[in-house]
Amino acid sequence: MGVEAVGLVAGAMTTAAFVPQAWKTWRTRSAQDFSLALLVLLVAGNSLWLGYGLLKGATGLVAANIVTVPLTAFILSVKLRRG
């Protein structure tokens, strides 16, 4: 497996980890169990990873974070609106 393939698989797995939680948040309209600090740091950190991936031309980082940032931002927005 090549280096880029490892990045793509890792990105797919870590991004997929957020899908069930985002779905649950969508269904329940609640992010009560999440720490606000966790969500803020995740959105900021994943946004920076996305920027870094774009600057470096790292397909795996871009692909993963272009999905992860909106997922985590959605959960954060629910947290901010509803607790």
C-alpha atoms as a PDB file:
ATOM      1  CA  MET A   1       0.000   0.000   0.000  1.00  0.00           C
ATOM      2  CA  GLY A   2       1.400   3.395  -0.981  1.00  0.00           C
ATOM      3  CA  VAL A   3       1.798   6.381   1.286  1.00  0.00           C
ATOM      4  CA  GLU A   4      -1.153   8.246  -0.251  1.00  0.00           C
ATOM      5  CA  ALA A   5      -3.341   5.145   0.085  1.00  0.00           C
ATOM      6  CA  VAL A   6      -2.525   4.954   3.784  1.00  0.00           C
ATOM      7  CA  GLY A   7      -3.576   8.596   4.140  1.00  0.00           C
ATOM      8  CA  LEU A   8      -6.806   8.005   2.249  1.00  0.00           C
ATOM      9  CA  VAL A   9      -7.722   4.962   4.341  1.00  0.00           C
ATOM     10  CA  ALA A  10      -6.853   6.756   7.598  1.00  0.00           C
ATOM     11  CA  GLY A  11      -8.875   9.787   6.526  1.00  0.00           C
ATOM     12  CA  ALA A  12     -11.853   7.664   5.532  1.00  0.00           C
ATOM     13  CA  MET A  13     -11.821   5.854   8.865  1.00  0.00           C
ATOM     14  CA  THR A  14     -11.497   8.945  11.056  1.00  0.00           C
ATOM     15  CA  THR A  15     -14.137  10.776   9.028  1.00  0.00           C
ATOM     16  CA  ALA A  16     -16.491   7.796   9.157  1.00  0.00           C
ATOM     17  CA  ALA A  17     -16.166   7.843  12.951  1.00  0.00           C
ATOM     18  CA  PHE A  18     -18.104  11.142  13.024  1.00  0.00           C
ATOM     19  CA  VAL A  19     -20.975  10.013  10.799  1.00  0.00           C
ATOM     20  CA  PRO A  20     -22.909   8.034  13.462  1.00  0.00           C
ATOM     21  CA  GLN A  21     -22.630  10.891  15.940  1.00  0.00           C
ATOM     22  CA  ALA A  22     -23.658  13.489  13.379  1.00  0.00           C
ATOM     23  CA  TRP A  23     -26.643  11.296  12.449  1.00  0.00           C
ATOM     24  CA  LYS A  24     -27.627  10.910  16.113  1.00  0.00           C
ATOM     25  CA  THR A  25     -27.293  14.664  16.630  1.00  0.00           C
ATOM     26  CA  TRP A  26     -29.483  15.250  13.560  1.00  0.00           C
ATOM     27  CA  ARG A  27     -32.151  12.837  14.807  1.00  0.00           C
ATOM     28  CA  THR A  28     -32.229  14.032  18.417  1.00  0.00           C
ATOM     29  CA  ARG A  29     -31.399  17.677  17.702  1.00  0.00           C
ATOM     30  CA  SER A  30     -29.165  17.527  20.764  1.00  0.00           C
ATOM     31  CA  ALA A  31     -25.427  17.690  21.321  1.00  0.00           C
ATOM     32  CA  GLN A  32     -25.759  17.869  25.081  1.00  0.00           C
ATOM     33  CA  ASP A  33     -23.255  15.095  25.738  1.00  0.00           C
ATOM     34  CA  PHE A  34     -20.480  16.873  23.848  1.00  0.00           C
ATOM     35  CA  SER A  35     -18.015  19.193  25.493  1.00  0.00           C
ATOM     36  CA  LEU A  36     -18.082  22.638  23.883  1.00  0.00           C
ATOM     37  CA  ALA A  37     -14.287  22.802  24.109  1.00  0.00           C
ATOM     38  CA  LEU A  38     -13.954  19.482  22.286  1.00  0.00           C
ATOM     39  CA  LEU A  39     -16.146  20.643  19.420  1.00  0.00           C
ATOM     40  CA  VAL A  40     -14.453  24.032  19.076  1.00  0.00           C
ATOM     41  CA  LEU A  41     -11.017  22.394  19.029  1.00  0.00           C
ATOM     42  CA  LEU A  42     -12.140  19.741  16.528  1.00  0.00           C
ATOM     43  CA  VAL A  43     -13.600  22.273  14.106  1.00  0.00           C
ATOM     44  CA  ALA A  44     -10.541  24.515  14.398  1.00  0.00           C
ATOM     45  CA  GLY A  45      -8.049  21.660  14.182  1.00  0.00           C
ATOM     46  CA  ASN A  46      -9.760  19.941  11.268  1.00  0.00           C
ATOM     47  CA  SER A  47     -10.034  23.279   9.463  1.00  0.00           C
ATOM     48  CA  LEU A  48      -6.304  23.750   9.874  1.00  0.00           C
ATOM     49  CA  TRP A  49      -5.658  20.183   8.631  1.00  0.00           C
ATOM     50  CA  LEU A  50      -7.797  20.997   5.592  1.00  0.00           C
ATOM     51  CA  GLY A  51      -5.794  24.156   4.924  1.00  0.00           C
ATOM     52  CA  TYR A  52      -2.534  22.289   5.405  1.00  0.00           C
ATOM     53  CA  GLY A  53      -3.675  19.541   3.047  1.00  0.00           C
ATOM     54  CA  LEU A  54      -4.607  22.106   0.418  1.00  0.00           C
ATOM     55  CA  LEU A  55      -1.250  23.862   0.740  1.00  0.00           C
ATOM     56  CA  LYS A  56       0.685  20.592   0.568  1.00  0.00           C
ATOM     57  CA  GLY A  57      -1.485  19.039  -2.120  1.00  0.00           C
ATOM     58  CA  ALA A  58      -2.198  16.085   0.193  1.00  0.00           C
ATOM     59  CA  THR A  59      -5.285  14.427  -1.266  1.00  0.00           C
ATOM     60  CA  GLY A  60      -5.907  12.262   1.797  1.00  0.00           C
ATOM     61  CA  LEU A  61      -5.956  15.209   4.188  1.00  0.00           C
ATOM     62  CA  VAL A  62      -8.156  17.280   1.917  1.00  0.00           C
ATOM     63  CA  ALA A  63     -10.634  14.474   1.236  1.00  0.00           C
ATOM     64  CA  ALA A  64     -11.007  13.586   4.900  1.00  0.00           C
ATOM     65  CA  ASN A  65     -11.282  17.095   6.239  1.00  0.00           C
ATOM     66  CA  ILE A  66     -13.556  18.459   3.548  1.00  0.00           C
ATOM     67  CA  VAL A  67     -16.116  16.031   5.001  1.00  0.00           C
ATOM     68  CA  THR A  68     -15.084  16.115   8.675  1.00  0.00           C
ATOM     69  CA  VAL A  69     -15.174  19.912   9.038  1.00  0.00           C
ATOM     70  CA  PRO A  70     -18.859  20.224   8.062  1.00  0.00           C
ATOM     71  CA  LEU A  71     -19.805  17.210  10.198  1.00  0.00           C
ATOM     72  CA  THR A  72     -18.127  18.604  13.302  1.00  0.00           C
ATOM     73  CA  ALA A  73     -19.314  22.149  12.534  1.00  0.00           C
ATOM     74  CA  PHE A  74     -22.892  20.845  12.347  1.00  0.00           C
ATOM     75  CA  ILE A  75     -22.583  19.178  15.763  1.00  0.00           C
ATOM     76  CA  LEU A  76     -21.029  22.377  17.160  1.00  0.00           C
ATOM     77  CA  SER A  77     -23.877  24.475  15.734  1.00  0.00           C
ATOM     78  CA  VAL A  78     -26.447  22.234  17.426  1.00  0.00           C
ATOM     79  CA  LYS A  79     -24.481  22.456  20.669  1.00  0.00           C
ATOM     80  CA  LEU A  80     -24.432  26.249  20.486  1.00  0.00           C
ATOM     81  CA  ARG A  81     -28.141  26.511  19.667  1.00  0.00           C
ATOM     82  CA  ARG A  82     -29.603  23.836  21.916  1.00  0.00           C
ATOM     83  CA  GLY A  83     -26.972  22.698  24.366  1.00  0.00           C
END
